[in-house]
PDB file of N, CA and C in Angstrom:
ATOM      1  N   MET A   1       0.838  -1.186   0.000  1.00  0.00           N
ATOM      2  CA  MET A   1       0.000   0.000   0.000  1.00  0.00           C
ATOM      3  C   MET A   1       0.880   1.245   0.000  1.00  0.00           C
ATOM      4  N   LYS A   2       0.501   2.196  -0.806  1.00  0.00           N
ATOM      5  CA  LYS A   2       1.185   3.484  -0.851  1.00  0.00           C
ATOM      6  C   LYS A   2       0.138   4.558  -0.619  1.00  0.00           C
ATOM      7  N   LYS A   3       0.263   5.239   0.515  1.00  0.00           N
ATOM      8  CA  LYS A   3      -0.779   6.190   0.881  1.00  0.00           C
ATOM      9  C   LYS A   3      -0.176   7.393   1.587  1.00  0.00           C
ATOM     10  N   VAL A   4      -0.813   8.542   1.376  1.00  0.00           N
ATOM     11  CA  VAL A   4      -0.416   9.763   2.062  1.00  0.00           C
ATOM     12  C   VAL A   4      -1.646  10.360   2.733  1.00  0.00           C
ATOM     13  N   TYR A   5      -1.519  10.587   4.029  1.00  0.00           N
ATOM     14  CA  TYR A   5      -2.548  11.280   4.800  1.00  0.00           C
ATOM     15  C   TYR A   5      -2.056  12.716   4.938  1.00  0.00           C
ATOM     16  N   TYR A   6      -2.874  13.648   4.475  1.00  0.00           N
ATOM     17  CA  TYR A   6      -2.428  15.039   4.442  1.00  0.00           C
ATOM     18  C   TYR A   6      -3.626  15.975   4.534  1.00  0.00           C
ATOM     19  N   LEU A   7      -3.334  17.266   4.577  1.00  0.00           N
ATOM     20  CA  LEU A   7      -4.371  18.303   4.536  1.00  0.00           C
ATOM     21  C   LEU A   7      -4.197  19.089   3.246  1.00  0.00           C
ATOM     22  N   LYS A   8      -5.228  19.106   2.433  1.00  0.00           N
ATOM     23  CA  LYS A   8      -5.179  19.816   1.151  1.00  0.00           C
ATOM     24  C   LYS A   8      -4.954  21.315   1.355  1.00  0.00           C
ATOM     25  N   THR A   9      -5.441  21.848   2.480  1.00  0.00           N
ATOM     26  CA  THR A   9      -5.334  23.279   2.755  1.00  0.00           C
ATOM     27  C   THR A   9      -4.021  23.675   3.431  1.00  0.00           C
ATOM     28  N   CYS A  10      -3.165  22.704   3.695  1.00  0.00           N
ATOM     29  CA  CYS A  10      -1.892  22.958   4.370  1.00  0.00           C
ATOM     30  C   CYS A  10      -0.797  23.190   3.332  1.00  0.00           C
ATOM     31  N   ASN A  11      -0.230  24.390   3.337  1.00  0.00           N
ATOM     32  CA  ASN A  11       0.821  24.723   2.376  1.00  0.00           C
ATOM     33  C   ASN A  11       2.036  23.824   2.514  1.00  0.00           C
ATOM     34  N   THR A  12       2.367  23.469   3.742  1.00  0.00           N
ATOM     35  CA  THR A  12       3.518  22.591   3.968  1.00  0.00           C
ATOM     36  C   THR A  12       3.266  21.223   3.342  1.00  0.00           C
ATOM     37  N   CYS A  13       2.072  20.684   3.535  1.00  0.00           N
ATOM     38  CA  CYS A  13       1.734  19.382   2.946  1.00  0.00           C
ATOM     39  C   CYS A  13       1.812  19.427   1.424  1.00  0.00           C
ATOM     40  N   THR A  14       1.240  20.456   0.814  1.00  0.00           N
ATOM     41  CA  THR A  14       1.247  20.531  -0.641  1.00  0.00           C
ATOM     42  C   THR A  14       2.665  20.717  -1.179  1.00  0.00           C
ATOM     43  N   ARG A  15       3.493  21.482  -0.468  1.00  0.00           N
ATOM     44  CA  ARG A  15       4.888  21.663  -0.870  1.00  0.00           C
ATOM     45  C   ARG A  15       5.632  20.328  -0.812  1.00  0.00           C
ATOM     46  N   ILE A  16       5.418  19.577   0.266  1.00  0.00           N
ATOM     47  CA  ILE A  16       6.091  18.284   0.429  1.00  0.00           C
ATOM     48  C   ILE A  16       5.621  17.298  -0.638  1.00  0.00           C
ATOM     49  N   LEU A  17       4.327  17.268  -0.917  1.00  0.00           N
ATOM     50  CA  LEU A  17       3.814  16.363  -1.959  1.00  0.00           C
ATOM     51  C   LEU A  17       4.448  16.677  -3.305  1.00  0.00           C
ATOM     52  N   LYS A  18       4.578  17.956  -3.610  1.00  0.00           N
ATOM     53  CA  LYS A  18       5.199  18.368  -4.871  1.00  0.00           C
ATOM     54  C   LYS A  18       6.673  17.949  -4.886  1.00  0.00           C
ATOM     55  N   GLU A  19       7.346  18.155  -3.757  1.00  0.00           N
ATOM     56  CA  GLU A  19       8.765  17.808  -3.641  1.00  0.00           C
ATOM     57  C   GLU A  19       8.989  16.294  -3.783  1.00  0.00           C
ATOM     58  N   LEU A  20       8.059  15.497  -3.265  1.00  0.00           N
ATOM     59  CA  LEU A  20       8.203  14.042  -3.326  1.00  0.00           C
ATOM     60  C   LEU A  20       7.961  13.482  -4.725  1.00  0.00           C
ATOM     61  N   ASN A  21       7.216  14.244  -5.543  1.00  0.00           N
ATOM     62  CA  ASN A  21       6.947  13.812  -6.912  1.00  0.00           C
ATOM     63  C   ASN A  21       6.437  12.362  -6.945  1.00  0.00           C
ATOM     64  N   LEU A  22       5.312  12.144  -6.288  1.00  0.00           N
ATOM     65  CA  LEU A  22       4.763  10.798  -6.116  1.00  0.00           C
ATOM     66  C   LEU A  22       4.160  10.256  -7.409  1.00  0.00           C
ATOM     67  N   SER A  23       4.274   8.967  -7.577  1.00  0.00           N
ATOM     68  CA  SER A  23       3.677   8.305  -8.746  1.00  0.00           C
ATOM     69  C   SER A  23       2.165   8.167  -8.543  1.00  0.00           C
ATOM     70  N   ASN A  24       1.486   7.790  -9.599  1.00  0.00           N
ATOM     71  CA  ASN A  24       0.025   7.677  -9.563  1.00  0.00           C
ATOM     72  C   ASN A  24      -0.473   6.519  -8.702  1.00  0.00           C
ATOM     73  N   ASP A  25       0.418   5.631  -8.285  1.00  0.00           N
ATOM     74  CA  ASP A  25      -0.033   4.507  -7.466  1.00  0.00           C
ATOM     75  C   ASP A  25      -0.160   4.870  -5.981  1.00  0.00           C
ATOM     76  N   PHE A  26       0.103   6.133  -5.637  1.00  0.00           N
ATOM     77  CA  PHE A  26      -0.119   6.606  -4.275  1.00  0.00           C
ATOM     78  C   PHE A  26      -1.568   7.068  -4.123  1.00  0.00           C
ATOM     79  N   ILE A  27      -2.177   6.702  -3.018  1.00  0.00           N
ATOM     80  CA  ILE A  27      -3.521   7.165  -2.686  1.00  0.00           C
ATOM     81  C   ILE A  27      -3.363   8.353  -1.753  1.00  0.00           C
ATOM     82  N   LEU A  28      -3.993   9.465  -2.103  1.00  0.00           N
ATOM     83  CA  LEU A  28      -3.943  10.659  -1.262  1.00  0.00           C
ATOM     84  C   LEU A  28      -5.259  10.786  -0.509  1.00  0.00           C
ATOM     85  N   GLN A  29      -5.164  10.933   0.805  1.00  0.00           N
ATOM     86  CA  GLN A  29      -6.373  11.089   1.616  1.00  0.00           C
ATOM     87  C   GLN A  29      -6.301  12.404   2.373  1.00  0.00           C
ATOM     88  N   ASP A  30      -7.171  13.331   1.997  1.00  0.00           N
ATOM     89  CA  ASP A  30      -7.294  14.607   2.704  1.00  0.00           C
ATOM     90  C   ASP A  30      -8.044  14.326   4.001  1.00  0.00           C
ATOM     91  N   ILE A  31      -7.356  14.419   5.136  1.00  0.00           N
ATOM     92  CA  ILE A  31      -7.943  14.000   6.413  1.00  0.00           C
ATOM     93  C   ILE A  31      -9.037  14.948   6.914  1.00  0.00           C
ATOM     94  N   LYS A  32      -9.172  16.089   6.279  1.00  0.00           N
ATOM     95  CA  LYS A  32     -10.254  17.006   6.661  1.00  0.00           C
ATOM     96  C   LYS A  32     -11.566  16.582   6.012  1.00  0.00           C
ATOM     97  N   THR A  33     -11.510  16.161   4.764  1.00  0.00           N
ATOM     98  CA  THR A  33     -12.733  15.792   4.050  1.00  0.00           C
ATOM     99  C   THR A  33     -13.045  14.296   4.155  1.00  0.00           C
ATOM    100  N   GLU A  34     -12.015  13.490   4.401  1.00  0.00           N
ATOM    101  CA  GLU A  34     -12.203  12.048   4.563  1.00  0.00           C
ATOM    102  C   GLU A  34     -11.503  11.617   5.852  1.00  0.00           C
ATOM    103  N   GLU A  35     -12.269  11.609   6.936  1.00  0.00           N
ATOM    104  CA  GLU A  35     -11.696  11.322   8.255  1.00  0.00           C
ATOM    105  C   GLU A  35     -10.986   9.974   8.278  1.00  0.00           C
ATOM    106  N   ILE A  36      -9.917   9.922   9.077  1.00  0.00           N
ATOM    107  CA  ILE A  36      -9.229   8.645   9.225  1.00  0.00           C
ATOM    108  C   ILE A  36     -10.078   7.715  10.086  1.00  0.00           C
ATOM    109  N   THR A  37     -10.018   6.447   9.785  1.00  0.00           N
ATOM    110  CA  THR A  37     -10.797   5.454  10.517  1.00  0.00           C
ATOM    111  C   THR A  37      -9.955   4.883  11.657  1.00  0.00           C
ATOM    112  N   VAL A  38     -10.612   4.207  12.556  1.00  0.00           N
ATOM    113  CA  VAL A  38      -9.925   3.536  13.652  1.00  0.00           C
ATOM    114  C   VAL A  38      -8.934   2.527  13.083  1.00  0.00           C
ATOM    115  N   LYS A  39      -9.359   1.780  12.073  1.00  0.00           N
ATOM    116  CA  LYS A  39      -8.501   0.771  11.459  1.00  0.00           C
ATOM    117  C   LYS A  39      -7.258   1.414  10.834  1.00  0.00           C
ATOM    118  N   GLN A  40      -7.437   2.533  10.128  1.00  0.00           N
ATOM    119  CA  GLN A  40      -6.299   3.226   9.528  1.00  0.00           C
ATOM    120  C   GLN A  40      -5.329   3.709  10.600  1.00  0.00           C
ATOM    121  N   LEU A  41      -5.874   4.295  11.674  1.00  0.00           N
ATOM    122  CA  LEU A  41      -5.034   4.814  12.746  1.00  0.00           C
ATOM    123  C   LEU A  41      -4.285   3.680  13.447  1.00  0.00           C
ATOM    124  N   GLU A  42      -4.955   2.567  13.658  1.00  0.00           N
ATOM    125  CA  GLU A  42      -4.306   1.424  14.301  1.00  0.00           C
ATOM    126  C   GLU A  42      -3.170   0.881  13.423  1.00  0.00           C
ATOM    127  N   HIS A  43      -3.374   0.884  12.107  1.00  0.00           N
ATOM    128  CA  HIS A  43      -2.318   0.450  11.194  1.00  0.00           C
ATOM    129  C   HIS A  43      -1.126   1.404  11.264  1.00  0.00           C
ATOM    130  N   MET A  44      -1.393   2.715  11.282  1.00  0.00           N
ATOM    131  CA  MET A  44      -0.324   3.699  11.390  1.00  0.00           C
ATOM    132  C   MET A  44       0.437   3.518  12.697  1.00  0.00           C
ATOM    133  N   LYS A  45      -0.286   3.226  13.772  1.00  0.00           N
ATOM    134  CA  LYS A  45       0.334   3.024  15.083  1.00  0.00           C
ATOM    135  C   LYS A  45       1.256   1.806  15.073  1.00  0.00           C
ATOM    136  N   GLU A  46       0.815   0.742  14.416  1.00  0.00           N
ATOM    137  CA  GLU A  46       1.661  -0.458  14.291  1.00  0.00           C
ATOM    138  C   GLU A  46       2.989  -0.110  13.636  1.00  0.00           C
ATOM    139  N   LEU A  47       2.937   0.699  12.588  1.00  0.00           N
ATOM    140  CA  LEU A  47       4.144   1.066  11.853  1.00  0.00           C
ATOM    141  C   LEU A  47       4.995   2.089  12.608  1.00  0.00           C
ATOM    142  N   ALA A  48       4.350   3.024  13.300  1.00  0.00           N
ATOM    143  CA  ALA A  48       5.076   4.106  13.979  1.00  0.00           C
ATOM    144  C   ALA A  48       5.520   3.714  15.393  1.00  0.00           C
ATOM    145  N   GLY A  49       4.852   2.727  15.990  1.00  0.00           N
ATOM    146  CA  GLY A  49       5.234   2.288  17.328  1.00  0.00           C
ATOM    147  C   GLY A  49       4.382   2.829  18.453  1.00  0.00           C
ATOM    148  N   SER A  50       3.719   3.960  18.225  1.00  0.00           N
ATOM    149  CA  SER A  50       2.850   4.526  19.267  1.00  0.00           C
ATOM    150  C   SER A  50       1.910   5.560  18.650  1.00  0.00           C
ATOM    151  N   TYR A  51       0.847   5.850  19.386  1.00  0.00           N
ATOM    152  CA  TYR A  51      -0.058   6.922  18.950  1.00  0.00           C
ATOM    153  C   TYR A  51       0.610   8.277  19.164  1.00  0.00           C
ATOM    154  N   GLU A  52       1.433   8.363  20.189  1.00  0.00           N
ATOM    155  CA  GLU A  52       2.120   9.624  20.464  1.00  0.00           C
ATOM    156  C   GLU A  52       3.018  10.028  19.287  1.00  0.00           C
ATOM    157  N   ALA A  53       3.631   9.046  18.625  1.00  0.00           N
ATOM    158  CA  ALA A  53       4.490   9.335  17.472  1.00  0.00           C
ATOM    159  C   ALA A  53       3.698   9.934  16.313  1.00  0.00           C
ATOM    160  N   LEU A  54       2.388   9.712  16.296  1.00  0.00           N
ATOM    161  CA  LEU A  54       1.515  10.225  15.237  1.00  0.00           C
ATOM    162  C   LEU A  54       0.849  11.536  15.622  1.00  0.00           C
ATOM    163  N   PHE A  55       1.014  11.937  16.861  1.00  0.00           N
ATOM    164  CA  PHE A  55       0.305  13.074  17.434  1.00  0.00           C
ATOM    165  C   PHE A  55       1.082  14.372  17.207  1.00  0.00           C
ATOM    166  N   SER A  56       0.370  15.405  16.786  1.00  0.00           N
ATOM    167  CA  SER A  56       0.992  16.705  16.548  1.00  0.00           C
ATOM    168  C   SER A  56       0.889  17.588  17.786  1.00  0.00           C
ATOM    169  N   LYS A  57       2.046  17.860  18.361  1.00  0.00           N
ATOM    170  CA  LYS A  57       2.085  18.765  19.517  1.00  0.00           C
ATOM    171  C   LYS A  57       2.232  20.216  19.064  1.00  0.00           C
ATOM    172  N   ARG A  58       2.212  20.419  17.752  1.00  0.00           N
ATOM    173  CA  ARG A  58       2.265  21.777  17.199  1.00  0.00           C
ATOM    174  C   ARG A  58       0.865  22.263  16.811  1.00  0.00           C
ATOM    175  N   SER A  59      -0.123  21.429  17.044  1.00  0.00           N
ATOM    176  CA  SER A  59      -1.503  21.759  16.705  1.00  0.00           C
ATOM    177  C   SER A  59      -2.004  22.939  17.534  1.00  0.00           C
ATOM    178  N   LYS A  60      -2.788  23.772  16.894  1.00  0.00           N
ATOM    179  CA  LYS A  60      -3.377  24.927  17.578  1.00  0.00           C
ATOM    180  C   LYS A  60      -4.259  24.461  18.747  1.00  0.00           C
ATOM    181  N   LEU A  61      -5.025  23.397  18.521  1.00  0.00           N
ATOM    182  CA  LEU A  61      -5.887  22.871  19.579  1.00  0.00           C
ATOM    183  C   LEU A  61      -5.095  22.335  20.765  1.00  0.00           C
ATOM    184  N   TYR A  62      -3.929  21.777  20.504  1.00  0.00           N
ATOM    185  CA  TYR A  62      -3.069  21.258  21.570  1.00  0.00           C
ATOM    186  C   TYR A  62      -2.733  22.379  22.543  1.00  0.00           C
ATOM    187  N   LYS A  63      -2.435  23.541  22.000  1.00  0.00           N
ATOM    188  CA  LYS A  63      -2.110  24.699  22.829  1.00  0.00           C
ATOM    189  C   LYS A  63      -3.361  25.253  23.502  1.00  0.00           C
ATOM    190  N   GLU A  64      -4.441  25.383  22.729  1.00  0.00           N
ATOM    191  CA  GLU A  64      -5.687  25.932  23.270  1.00  0.00           C
ATOM    192  C   GLU A  64      -6.253  25.093  24.409  1.00  0.00           C
ATOM    193  N   MET A  65      -6.121  23.783  24.294  1.00  0.00           N
ATOM    194  CA  MET A  65      -6.659  22.874  25.316  1.00  0.00           C
ATOM    195  C   MET A  65      -5.659  22.641  26.449  1.00  0.00           C
ATOM    196  N   ASP A  66      -4.501  23.272  26.359  1.00  0.00           N
ATOM    197  CA  ASP A  66      -3.452  23.165  27.371  1.00  0.00           C
ATOM    198  C   ASP A  66      -3.086  21.702  27.650  1.00  0.00           C
ATOM    199  N   LEU A  67      -2.986  20.922  26.590  1.00  0.00           N
ATOM    200  CA  LEU A  67      -2.699  19.494  26.741  1.00  0.00           C
ATOM    201  C   LEU A  67      -1.264  19.225  27.168  1.00  0.00           C
ATOM    202  N   LYS A  68      -0.360  20.184  26.932  1.00  0.00           N
ATOM    203  CA  LYS A  68       1.034  19.954  27.315  1.00  0.00           C
ATOM    204  C   LYS A  68       1.204  19.844  28.829  1.00  0.00           C
ATOM    205  N   ASN A  69       0.249  20.357  29.574  1.00  0.00           N
ATOM    206  CA  ASN A  69       0.314  20.294  31.034  1.00  0.00           C
ATOM    207  C   ASN A  69      -0.485  19.124  31.599  1.00  0.00           C
ATOM    208  N   GLN A  70      -0.847  18.198  30.733  1.00  0.00           N
ATOM    209  CA  GLN A  70      -1.576  17.003  31.176  1.00  0.00           C
ATOM    210  C   GLN A  70      -0.738  15.771  30.863  1.00  0.00           C
ATOM    211  N   ASP A  71      -0.908  14.747  31.676  1.00  0.00           N
ATOM    212  CA  ASP A  71      -0.227  13.476  31.420  1.00  0.00           C
ATOM    213  C   ASP A  71      -1.094  12.651  30.478  1.00  0.00           C
ATOM    214  N   LEU A  72      -0.779  12.712  29.193  1.00  0.00           N
ATOM    215  CA  LEU A  72      -1.573  12.003  28.198  1.00  0.00           C
ATOM    216  C   LEU A  72      -1.080  10.572  28.037  1.00  0.00           C
ATOM    217  N   THR A  73      -2.020   9.653  27.946  1.00  0.00           N
ATOM    218  CA  THR A  73      -1.704   8.247  27.740  1.00  0.00           C
ATOM    219  C   THR A  73      -1.859   7.922  26.255  1.00  0.00           C
ATOM    220  N   GLU A  74      -1.454   6.723  25.870  1.00  0.00           N
ATOM    221  CA  GLU A  74      -1.644   6.277  24.489  1.00  0.00           C
ATOM    222  C   GLU A  74      -3.130   6.319  24.123  1.00  0.00           C
ATOM    223  N   LYS A  75      -3.980   5.959  25.066  1.00  0.00           N
ATOM    224  CA  LYS A  75      -5.428   5.991  24.847  1.00  0.00           C
ATOM    225  C   LYS A  75      -5.894   7.428  24.551  1.00  0.00           C
ATOM    226  N   ASP A  76      -5.316   8.391  25.285  1.00  0.00           N
ATOM    227  CA  ASP A  76      -5.655   9.804  25.078  1.00  0.00           C
ATOM    228  C   ASP A  76      -5.210  10.268  23.688  1.00  0.00           C
ATOM    229  N   PHE A  77      -3.982   9.930  23.315  1.00  0.00           N
ATOM    230  CA  PHE A  77      -3.476  10.330  21.994  1.00  0.00           C
ATOM    231  C   PHE A  77      -4.387   9.781  20.895  1.00  0.00           C
ATOM    232  N   LYS A  78      -4.760   8.515  21.019  1.00  0.00           N
ATOM    233  CA  LYS A  78      -5.643   7.890  20.022  1.00  0.00           C
ATOM    234  C   LYS A  78      -6.979   8.630  19.970  1.00  0.00           C
ATOM    235  N   HIS A  79      -7.544   8.891  21.134  1.00  0.00           N
ATOM    236  CA  HIS A  79      -8.836   9.581  21.215  1.00  0.00           C
ATOM    237  C   HIS A  79      -8.777  10.955  20.540  1.00  0.00           C
ATOM    238  N   TYR A  80      -7.762  11.739  20.875  1.00  0.00           N
ATOM    239  CA  TYR A  80      -7.662  13.086  20.312  1.00  0.00           C
ATOM    240  C   TYR A  80      -7.464  13.058  18.796  1.00  0.00           C
ATOM    241  N   ILE A  81      -6.646  12.144  18.305  1.00  0.00           N
ATOM    242  CA  ILE A  81      -6.421  12.049  16.858  1.00  0.00           C
ATOM    243  C   ILE A  81      -7.713  11.693  16.138  1.00  0.00           C
ATOM    244  N   LEU A  82      -8.465  10.757  16.700  1.00  0.00           N
ATOM    245  CA  LEU A  82      -9.735  10.373  16.067  1.00  0.00           C
ATOM    246  C   LEU A  82     -10.794  11.454  16.222  1.00  0.00           C
ATOM    247  N   ASP A  83     -10.696  12.220  17.293  1.00  0.00           N
ATOM    248  CA  ASP A  83     -11.679  13.269  17.577  1.00  0.00           C
ATOM    249  C   ASP A  83     -11.527  14.472  16.642  1.00  0.00           C
ATOM    250  N   HIS A  84     -10.274  14.845  16.328  1.00  0.00           N
ATOM    251  CA  HIS A  84     -10.069  16.020  15.478  1.00  0.00           C
ATOM    252  C   HIS A  84      -8.817  15.849  14.623  1.00  0.00           C
ATOM    253  N   TYR A  85      -8.986  16.034  13.321  1.00  0.00           N
ATOM    254  CA  TYR A  85      -7.914  15.782  12.354  1.00  0.00           C
ATOM    255  C   TYR A  85      -6.632  16.571  12.612  1.00  0.00           C
ATOM    256  N   THR A  86      -6.729  17.747  13.250  1.00  0.00           N
ATOM    257  CA  THR A  86      -5.524  18.564  13.439  1.00  0.00           C
ATOM    258  C   THR A  86      -4.530  17.939  14.413  1.00  0.00           C
ATOM    259  N   PHE A  87      -4.968  16.945  15.170  1.00  0.00           N
ATOM    260  CA  PHE A  87      -4.054  16.291  16.098  1.00  0.00           C
ATOM    261  C   PHE A  87      -3.159  15.260  15.411  1.00  0.00           C
ATOM    262  N   LEU A  88      -3.448  14.934  14.162  1.00  0.00           N
ATOM    263  CA  LEU A  88      -2.600  13.996  13.433  1.00  0.00           C
ATOM    264  C   LEU A  88      -1.428  14.769  12.822  1.00  0.00           C
ATOM    265  N   SER A  89      -0.234  14.348  13.159  1.00  0.00           N
ATOM    266  CA  SER A  89       0.953  14.958  12.566  1.00  0.00           C
ATOM    267  C   SER A  89       0.902  14.686  11.068  1.00  0.00           C
ATOM    268  N   ARG A  90       1.300  15.652  10.266  1.00  0.00           N
ATOM    269  CA  ARG A  90       1.153  15.445   8.832  1.00  0.00           C
ATOM    270  C   ARG A  90       2.274  16.109   8.062  1.00  0.00           C
ATOM    271  N   PRO A  91       2.470  15.616   6.858  1.00  0.00           N
ATOM    272  CA  PRO A  91       1.794  14.477   6.246  1.00  0.00           C
ATOM    273  C   PRO A  91       2.309  13.159   6.833  1.00  0.00           C
ATOM    274  N   ILE A  92       1.516  12.127   6.646  1.00  0.00           N
ATOM    275  CA  ILE A  92       1.948  10.782   6.992  1.00  0.00           C
ATOM    276  C   ILE A  92       2.005  10.008   5.688  1.00  0.00           C
ATOM    277  N   ILE A  93       3.181   9.468   5.425  1.00  0.00           N
ATOM    278  CA  ILE A  93       3.410   8.733   4.182  1.00  0.00           C
ATOM    279  C   ILE A  93       3.639   7.274   4.541  1.00  0.00           C
ATOM    280  N   VAL A  94       2.811   6.410   3.988  1.00  0.00           N
ATOM    281  CA  VAL A  94       2.938   4.980   4.230  1.00  0.00           C
ATOM    282  C   VAL A  94       3.299   4.309   2.910  1.00  0.00           C
ATOM    283  N   VAL A  95       4.401   3.590   2.932  1.00  0.00           N
ATOM    284  CA  VAL A  95       4.829   2.819   1.757  1.00  0.00           C
ATOM    285  C   VAL A  95       5.039   1.387   2.244  1.00  0.00           C
ATOM    286  N   ASP A  96       4.042   0.552   1.953  1.00  0.00           N
ATOM    287  CA  ASP A  96       4.058  -0.842   2.387  1.00  0.00           C
ATOM    288  C   ASP A  96       4.241  -0.944   3.903  1.00  0.00           C
ATOM    289  N   TYR A  97       5.400  -1.349   4.364  1.00  0.00           N
ATOM    290  CA  TYR A  97       5.653  -1.574   5.785  1.00  0.00           C
ATOM    291  C   TYR A  97       6.379  -0.397   6.450  1.00  0.00           C
ATOM    292  N   LYS A  98       6.601   0.686   5.723  1.00  0.00           N
ATOM    293  CA  LYS A  98       7.384   1.819   6.219  1.00  0.00           C
ATOM    294  C   LYS A  98       6.488   3.045   6.359  1.00  0.00           C
ATOM    295  N   ILE A  99       6.732   3.820   7.432  1.00  0.00           N
ATOM    296  CA  ILE A  99       5.941   5.032   7.657  1.00  0.00           C
ATOM    297  C   ILE A  99       6.875   6.221   7.891  1.00  0.00           C
ATOM    298  N   PHE A 100       6.457   7.370   7.373  1.00  0.00           N
ATOM    299  CA  PHE A 100       7.190   8.615   7.549  1.00  0.00           C
ATOM    300  C   PHE A 100       6.185   9.630   8.095  1.00  0.00           C
ATOM    301  N   VAL A 101       6.484  10.170   9.271  1.00  0.00           N
ATOM    302  CA  VAL A 101       5.526  11.025   9.968  1.00  0.00           C
ATOM    303  C   VAL A 101       6.058  12.443  10.106  1.00  0.00           C
ATOM    304  N   GLY A 102       5.300  13.392   9.593  1.00  0.00           N
ATOM    305  CA  GLY A 102       5.597  14.796   9.821  1.00  0.00           C
ATOM    306  C   GLY A 102       6.345  15.482   8.698  1.00  0.00           C
ATOM    307  N   SER A 103       6.634  16.750   8.947  1.00  0.00           N
ATOM    308  CA  SER A 103       7.194  17.613   7.910  1.00  0.00           C
ATOM    309  C   SER A 103       8.644  18.014   8.171  1.00  0.00           C
ATOM    310  N   PHE A 104       9.267  17.385   9.161  1.00  0.00           N
ATOM    311  CA  PHE A 104      10.665  17.721   9.413  1.00  0.00           C
ATOM    312  C   PHE A 104      11.509  17.360   8.195  1.00  0.00           C
ATOM    313  N   LYS A 105      12.488  18.175   7.913  1.00  0.00           N
ATOM    314  CA  LYS A 105      13.305  18.016   6.707  1.00  0.00           C
ATOM    315  C   LYS A 105      13.902  16.612   6.592  1.00  0.00           C
ATOM    316  N   LYS A 106      14.424  16.078   7.705  1.00  0.00           N
ATOM    317  CA  LYS A 106      15.063  14.754   7.643  1.00  0.00           C
ATOM    318  C   LYS A 106      14.043  13.652   7.364  1.00  0.00           C
ATOM    319  N   VAL A 107      12.803  13.823   7.821  1.00  0.00           N
ATOM    320  CA  VAL A 107      11.742  12.842   7.560  1.00  0.00           C
ATOM    321  C   VAL A 107      11.367  12.869   6.088  1.00  0.00           C
ATOM    322  N   VAL A 108      11.198  14.068   5.548  1.00  0.00           N
ATOM    323  CA  VAL A 108      10.839  14.226   4.134  1.00  0.00           C
ATOM    324  C   VAL A 108      11.953  13.681   3.243  1.00  0.00           C
ATOM    325  N   GLU A 109      13.186  13.967   3.603  1.00  0.00           N
ATOM    326  CA  GLU A 109      14.329  13.479   2.825  1.00  0.00           C
ATOM    327  C   GLU A 109      14.397  11.953   2.857  1.00  0.00           C
ATOM    328  N   ALA A 110      14.147  11.364   4.036  1.00  0.00           N
ATOM    329  CA  ALA A 110      14.154   9.901   4.166  1.00  0.00           C
ATOM    330  C   ALA A 110      13.034   9.290   3.322  1.00  0.00           C
ATOM    331  N   ALA A 111      11.866   9.923   3.333  1.00  0.00           N
ATOM    332  CA  ALA A 111      10.740   9.432   2.528  1.00  0.00           C
ATOM    333  C   ALA A 111      11.082   9.505   1.045  1.00  0.00           C
ATOM    334  N   LYS A 112      11.645  10.619   0.629  1.00  0.00           N
ATOM    335  CA  LYS A 112      12.011  10.805  -0.779  1.00  0.00           C
ATOM    336  C   LYS A 112      13.014   9.725  -1.213  1.00  0.00           C
ATOM    337  N   ASN A 113      14.030   9.499  -0.391  1.00  0.00           N
ATOM    338  CA  ASN A 113      15.042   8.490  -0.716  1.00  0.00           C
ATOM    339  C   ASN A 113      14.436   7.089  -0.775  1.00  0.00           C
ATOM    340  N   PHE A 114      13.524   6.790   0.138  1.00  0.00           N
ATOM    341  CA  PHE A 114      12.899   5.461   0.180  1.00  0.00           C
ATOM    342  C   PHE A 114      11.984   5.244  -1.032  1.00  0.00           C
ATOM    343  N   ILE A 115      11.219   6.263  -1.371  1.00  0.00           N
ATOM    344  CA  ILE A 115      10.255   6.167  -2.474  1.00  0.00           C
ATOM    345  C   ILE A 115      10.968   6.044  -3.821  1.00  0.00           C
ATOM    346  N   HIS A 116      12.044   6.779  -3.970  1.00  0.00           N
ATOM    347  CA  HIS A 116      12.729   6.829  -5.264  1.00  0.00           C
ATOM    348  C   HIS A 116      14.011   6.003  -5.284  1.00  0.00           C
ATOM    349  N   LEU A 117      13.979   4.843  -4.631  1.00  0.00           N
ATOM    350  CA  LEU A 117      15.150   3.941  -4.625  1.00  0.00           C
ATOM    351  C   LEU A 117      15.495   3.471  -6.023  1.00  0.00           C
TER     352      LEU A 117
END
């Protein structure tokens, strides 16, 4: 499976997608218009190792809800990600058994190198 979870309205996501120059066999899922399912999130967690690894601590809601001052569990991270799309770190690129989470330069570079082997 080759899939990208992203936000169509996010300039960073669109820039990264353009930079990756993905082939047509990638499925793009705009997480705002097509919510992620429990099954999809559980699959991402298997690949990433934890729900926290998929969670965006840069989200506006994270700051507004003052979540940094709470002891969040894996169950909490899962709940928040399923509750609101902005809690999912993005983009998330899944290529078969490999996952790349977020927009950090080294993550994007690793994804690009893996995709274009």
